[in-house]
């Protein structure tokens, strides 16, 4: 009997712990170059807390549909998106900015023929004269409209690049962490698509991991794992080496860019947006 007990306890210690299986929405298109960044962050978080995680993919769905599925506990378990107070009240979320606030630095994806006009823009009033592509149901759209910008919403991600390329809209503002890899991935189909980053539209806008309201295990795992990655420097190392974000560094390279600041009236006013642990600054001289 004594030997049997030893064997049982030994098996308890050597049997692998069961990990968490997470259902995630698929990429927005074959050119969605930033999708892998967020998948990698999930894996990094679980690595830091020594828990296995198995990620499976649901078909792509537009943002509002994905958030509805999260809320209902169907199809997907986790979704990354820019935040607003409405989303935070309806869903569970991890209040750690996934690109350290860089999503709120918007550069302009456009056809190269727009460059000369972009060079002449330095104020909000001048930018208002041009129609911008932006996604339906994206908080960015509401932020830009609140600032008086001329926005043309579209539900289909890929169409916004096509509209900017064809001239149906003047430009497609994208996060500084998104635009360059998105344009590179479309070199074959849109050879004259460019990123104009000498002008930046800036507003406070964190991207968070969202889940259903009562998914406490997932929220805790991600929060603990991401905080450990931030503390030991592996979060910053990940940003500096991932293909979609490594071009941003050193951040001092952006100091000569011109910046147009607008407010984000949809962000929780109590949110700390200056803590250097979670937010980086491009150090741009206005």
Protein backbone atom coordinates (compact mmCIF):
# COMPACT_ATOMS: atom_id res chain seq x y z
CA UNK A 1 0.00 0.00 0.00
CA UNK A 2 2.86 2.32 0.86
CA UNK A 3 4.40 1.77 -2.58
CA UNK A 4 1.07 2.41 -4.29
CA UNK A 5 0.71 5.80 -2.54
CA UNK A 6 4.24 6.77 -3.58
CA UNK A 7 3.40 5.82 -7.17
CA UNK A 8 0.17 7.89 -7.12
CA UNK A 9 1.89 10.97 -5.72
CA UNK A 10 4.69 10.55 -8.23
CA UNK A 11 2.22 10.48 -11.09
CA UNK A 12 0.57 13.67 -9.84
CA UNK A 13 3.86 15.52 -10.14
CA UNK A 14 4.86 14.20 -13.55
CA UNK A 15 1.53 14.36 -15.36
CA UNK A 16 1.27 17.50 -17.50
CA UNK A 17 -1.15 20.18 -16.41
CA UNK A 18 -3.97 20.80 -18.82
CA UNK A 19 -3.75 24.14 -20.58
CA UNK A 20 -6.36 26.59 -21.65
CA UNK A 21 -7.86 26.36 -25.13
CA UNK A 22 -8.67 29.73 -26.66
CA UNK A 23 -10.75 30.36 -29.75
CA UNK A 24 -9.58 33.42 -31.67
CA UNK A 25 -10.93 35.02 -34.81
CA UNK A 26 -8.94 34.52 -37.97
CA UNK A 27 -6.99 37.15 -39.88
CA UNK A 28 -8.89 39.97 -41.58
CA UNK A 29 -7.41 38.98 -44.94
CA UNK A 30 -4.35 37.22 -46.35
CA UNK A 31 -2.56 40.56 -45.96
CA UNK A 32 -3.44 41.07 -42.28
CA UNK A 33 0.19 41.38 -41.17
CA UNK A 34 -0.52 42.37 -37.57
CA UNK A 35 -2.70 39.38 -36.64
CA UNK A 36 0.36 37.32 -35.69
CA UNK A 37 1.55 40.04 -33.29
CA UNK A 38 -1.44 39.57 -30.96
CA UNK A 39 -1.34 35.79 -31.19
CA UNK A 40 2.31 35.99 -30.14
CA UNK A 41 1.42 38.22 -27.19
CA UNK A 42 -1.10 35.65 -25.94
CA UNK A 43 1.56 32.95 -26.16
CA UNK A 44 4.11 35.18 -24.42
CA UNK A 45 1.70 35.86 -21.55
CA UNK A 46 1.05 32.15 -20.97
CA UNK A 47 4.75 31.36 -21.26
CA UNK A 48 5.43 33.85 -18.44
CA UNK A 49 2.99 32.11 -16.09
CA UNK A 50 4.16 28.63 -17.12
CA UNK A 51 0.77 27.53 -18.40
CA UNK A 52 0.19 25.80 -21.73
CA UNK A 53 -2.27 27.40 -24.13
CA UNK A 54 -3.85 25.97 -27.27
CA UNK A 55 -5.09 28.53 -29.80
CA UNK A 56 -7.68 27.63 -32.42
CA UNK A 57 -9.09 29.94 -35.07
CA UNK A 58 -12.65 30.84 -35.96
CA UNK A 59 -13.45 32.41 -39.32
CA UNK A 60 -12.82 36.14 -39.68
CA UNK A 61 -15.72 38.34 -38.61
CA UNK A 62 -16.14 42.11 -38.56
CA UNK A 63 -15.37 43.84 -35.28
CA UNK A 64 -18.91 44.39 -34.04
CA UNK A 65 -19.86 40.79 -34.80
CA UNK A 66 -16.77 39.58 -32.94
CA UNK A 67 -17.62 41.67 -29.89
CA UNK A 68 -21.21 40.37 -29.95
CA UNK A 69 -19.91 36.79 -30.08
CA UNK A 70 -17.65 37.48 -27.12
CA UNK A 71 -20.49 38.94 -25.10
CA UNK A 72 -22.68 35.90 -25.85
CA UNK A 73 -19.88 33.42 -25.15
CA UNK A 74 -19.97 31.96 -28.67
CA UNK A 75 -17.44 31.29 -31.44
CA UNK A 76 -14.48 33.14 -29.88
CA UNK A 77 -13.02 33.57 -26.39
CA UNK A 78 -10.74 36.55 -26.94
CA UNK A 79 -10.55 39.57 -29.22
CA UNK A 80 -8.13 42.49 -29.40
CA UNK A 81 -9.60 45.89 -30.15
CA UNK A 82 -9.33 49.57 -29.42
CA UNK A 83 -11.27 50.42 -26.31
CA UNK A 84 -14.09 52.75 -25.37
CA UNK A 85 -16.26 53.08 -22.26
CA UNK A 86 -19.16 51.17 -23.83
CA UNK A 87 -17.01 48.13 -24.59
CA UNK A 88 -15.48 48.18 -21.14
CA UNK A 89 -18.89 48.13 -19.48
CA UNK A 90 -20.22 45.28 -21.63
CA UNK A 91 -17.18 42.99 -21.68
CA UNK A 92 -14.34 41.70 -19.59
CA UNK A 93 -10.96 43.13 -20.52
CA UNK A 94 -7.30 43.34 -19.55
CA UNK A 95 -6.37 47.04 -19.11
CA UNK A 96 -2.85 46.70 -20.51
CA UNK A 97 -2.22 48.52 -23.82
CA UNK A 98 -1.04 45.84 -26.25
CA UNK A 99 1.19 48.18 -28.27
CA UNK A 100 1.83 50.58 -25.38
CA UNK A 101 -0.42 53.29 -26.82
CA UNK A 102 1.17 53.41 -30.26
CA UNK A 103 -2.19 52.59 -31.87
CA UNK A 104 -3.18 56.20 -31.17
CA UNK A 105 -0.38 57.50 -33.41
CA UNK A 106 -2.00 57.42 -36.84
CA UNK A 107 -0.04 57.69 -40.08
CA UNK A 108 -1.57 57.83 -43.53
CA UNK A 109 -1.82 54.95 -45.98
CA UNK A 110 -2.54 56.37 -49.43
CA UNK A 111 -1.73 56.25 -53.14
CA UNK A 112 1.58 57.95 -53.85
CA UNK A 113 -0.22 60.71 -55.77
CA UNK A 114 -1.51 62.01 -52.40
CA UNK A 115 2.00 62.74 -51.09
CA UNK A 116 2.17 66.35 -52.31
CA UNK A 117 -1.14 67.22 -50.64
CA UNK A 118 -0.13 65.41 -47.45
CA UNK A 119 3.05 67.49 -47.31
CA UNK A 120 0.94 70.67 -47.14
CA UNK A 121 -1.18 69.52 -44.17
CA UNK A 122 -0.11 70.62 -40.70
CA UNK A 123 -3.37 71.57 -38.93
CA UNK A 124 -6.66 69.89 -38.05
CA UNK A 125 -8.56 72.39 -40.22
CA UNK A 126 -6.48 71.44 -43.25
CA UNK A 127 -6.97 67.71 -42.60
CA UNK A 128 -10.74 68.26 -42.39
CA UNK A 129 -10.76 69.14 -46.10
CA UNK A 130 -9.96 65.55 -47.05
CA UNK A 131 -12.09 62.40 -46.83
CA UNK A 132 -10.57 59.60 -44.78
CA UNK A 133 -11.34 55.88 -44.91
CA UNK A 134 -12.05 54.20 -41.59
CA UNK A 135 -13.76 51.06 -40.35
CA UNK A 136 -17.42 50.93 -39.39
CA UNK A 137 -17.86 50.13 -35.68
CA UNK A 138 -14.25 51.13 -34.94
CA UNK A 139 -13.84 53.54 -32.01
CA UNK A 140 -11.39 55.47 -34.21
CA UNK A 141 -14.26 56.47 -36.46
CA UNK A 142 -16.18 58.01 -33.57
CA UNK A 143 -13.03 59.76 -32.31
CA UNK A 144 -12.32 61.27 -35.73
CA UNK A 145 -15.92 62.31 -36.33
CA UNK A 146 -16.03 63.94 -32.88
CA UNK A 147 -13.00 65.98 -33.95
CA UNK A 148 -14.83 67.15 -37.07
CA UNK A 149 -12.92 65.04 -39.58
CA UNK A 150 -14.51 63.86 -42.82
CA UNK A 151 -14.73 60.08 -42.41
CA UNK A 152 -16.09 57.48 -44.84
CA UNK A 153 -16.79 54.27 -42.85
CA UNK A 154 -16.55 50.83 -44.43
CA UNK A 155 -17.31 47.43 -42.93
CA UNK A 156 -14.74 45.51 -45.01
CA UNK A 157 -11.08 45.85 -44.01
CA UNK A 158 -9.57 45.14 -47.43
CA UNK A 159 -11.88 47.61 -49.19
CA UNK A 160 -10.41 50.55 -47.30
CA UNK A 161 -7.00 49.95 -48.84
CA UNK A 162 -8.65 49.69 -52.27
CA UNK A 163 -10.55 52.94 -51.71
CA UNK A 164 -7.42 54.80 -50.66
CA UNK A 165 -5.59 53.35 -53.65
CA UNK A 166 -8.31 54.30 -56.13
CA UNK A 167 -8.83 57.75 -54.66
CA UNK A 168 -12.36 57.20 -53.35
CA UNK A 169 -10.94 58.44 -50.09
CA UNK A 170 -7.85 60.58 -49.68
CA UNK A 171 -6.10 58.33 -47.17
CA UNK A 172 -6.62 55.53 -44.67
CA UNK A 173 -5.24 56.49 -41.22
CA UNK A 174 -3.59 53.46 -39.62
CA UNK A 175 -1.78 52.85 -36.35
CA UNK A 176 1.92 53.57 -36.70
CA UNK A 177 2.44 49.95 -35.65
CA UNK A 178 0.20 48.67 -38.44
CA UNK A 179 0.71 50.73 -41.58
CA UNK A 180 4.20 49.79 -42.77
CA UNK A 181 3.77 46.01 -42.66
CA UNK A 182 0.30 46.33 -44.21
CA UNK A 183 1.68 48.26 -47.18
CA UNK A 184 4.65 45.92 -47.63
CA UNK A 185 2.31 42.91 -47.70
CA UNK A 186 0.36 44.52 -50.57
CA UNK A 187 3.36 45.44 -52.75
CA UNK A 188 2.36 43.01 -55.48
CA UNK A 189 -1.28 44.03 -55.77
CA UNK A 190 -0.93 47.75 -54.98
CA UNK A 191 2.60 48.82 -55.99
CA UNK A 192 1.89 52.55 -55.56
CA UNK A 193 0.43 52.25 -52.06
CA UNK A 194 2.58 54.20 -49.58
CA UNK A 195 2.74 55.19 -45.93
CA UNK A 196 3.12 58.90 -45.26
CA UNK A 197 4.51 59.19 -41.75
CA UNK A 198 5.81 62.77 -41.72
CA UNK A 199 2.33 63.71 -40.52
CA UNK A 200 0.81 61.95 -37.52
CA UNK A 201 -2.74 62.17 -36.16
CA UNK A 202 -2.48 61.53 -32.42
CA UNK A 203 -5.08 60.66 -29.78
CA UNK A 204 -4.99 58.52 -26.61
CA UNK A 205 -6.19 55.09 -27.72
CA UNK A 206 -5.19 51.83 -26.04
CA UNK A 207 -5.86 48.44 -27.58
CA UNK A 208 -6.89 45.76 -25.07
CA UNK A 209 -7.62 42.06 -24.99
CA UNK A 210 -11.40 41.63 -24.53
CA UNK A 211 -13.38 38.57 -23.44
CA UNK A 212 -16.79 37.84 -21.98
CA UNK A 213 -17.62 39.55 -18.71
CA UNK A 214 -17.20 36.58 -16.38
CA UNK A 215 -14.15 34.95 -17.97
CA UNK A 216 -12.06 35.60 -14.86
CA UNK A 217 -9.53 32.84 -15.52
CA UNK A 218 -8.54 34.25 -18.90
CA UNK A 219 -8.42 37.84 -17.63
CA UNK A 220 -6.22 36.84 -14.69
CA UNK A 221 -3.89 34.70 -16.79
CA UNK A 222 -3.37 37.41 -19.39
CA UNK A 223 -2.95 40.20 -16.85
CA UNK A 224 -0.41 38.22 -14.81
CA UNK A 225 1.50 37.04 -17.86
CA UNK A 226 1.64 40.41 -19.62
CA UNK A 227 2.67 42.20 -16.42
CA UNK A 228 5.49 39.70 -15.91
CA UNK A 229 6.61 40.26 -19.51
CA UNK A 230 6.59 44.02 -18.96
CA UNK A 231 8.53 43.72 -15.71
CA UNK A 232 11.28 41.47 -17.10
CA UNK A 233 11.62 43.40 -20.38
CA UNK A 234 10.42 40.62 -22.68
CA UNK A 235 7.35 42.64 -23.72
CA UNK A 236 9.57 45.45 -25.05
CA UNK A 237 11.90 42.91 -26.64
CA UNK A 238 8.93 41.33 -28.40
CA UNK A 239 7.83 44.72 -29.77
CA UNK A 240 11.36 45.52 -30.95
CA UNK A 241 11.75 42.23 -32.80
CA UNK A 242 8.30 41.40 -34.22
CA UNK A 243 8.01 42.04 -37.95
CA UNK A 244 5.03 44.39 -37.58
CA UNK A 245 6.57 46.64 -34.90
CA UNK A 246 10.36 46.48 -35.11
CA UNK A 247 10.49 49.32 -37.64
CA UNK A 248 9.22 51.71 -34.94
CA UNK A 249 12.51 51.61 -33.05
CA UNK A 250 14.44 53.59 -32.04
CA UNK A 251 11.48 55.81 -31.18
CA UNK A 252 13.65 58.90 -31.59
CA UNK A 253 13.38 58.51 -35.38
CA UNK A 254 9.90 60.11 -35.24
CA UNK A 255 10.96 63.40 -33.67
CA UNK A 256 10.82 65.34 -36.92
CA UNK A 257 7.25 64.34 -37.76
CA UNK A 258 4.44 66.90 -37.58
CA UNK A 259 1.60 66.04 -35.20
CA UNK A 260 -2.09 66.91 -35.14
CA UNK A 261 -3.58 66.24 -31.69
CA UNK A 262 -7.26 65.42 -31.18
CA UNK A 263 -9.18 64.36 -28.08
CA UNK A 264 -10.65 60.94 -27.37
CA UNK A 265 -13.96 61.70 -25.61
CA UNK A 266 -14.83 57.98 -25.45
CA UNK A 267 -11.94 56.94 -23.20
CA UNK A 268 -12.53 56.49 -19.48
CA UNK A 269 -11.33 59.82 -17.99
CA UNK A 270 -9.88 57.93 -15.03
CA UNK A 271 -7.61 55.84 -17.25
CA UNK A 272 -3.93 56.53 -16.61
CA UNK A 273 -2.42 57.23 -20.02
CA UNK A 274 0.98 58.47 -18.88
CA UNK A 275 2.42 55.55 -16.89
CA UNK A 276 5.68 54.74 -18.75
CA UNK A 277 5.31 51.11 -17.70
CA UNK A 278 2.37 50.75 -20.08
CA UNK A 279 2.71 53.70 -22.47
CA UNK A 280 5.54 54.78 -24.72
CA UNK A 281 6.01 58.19 -26.23
CA UNK A 282 7.51 58.89 -29.63
CA UNK A 283 9.01 62.06 -28.18
CA UNK A 284 7.75 64.10 -31.14
CA UNK A 285 8.50 67.78 -31.17
CA UNK A 286 5.36 69.67 -32.13
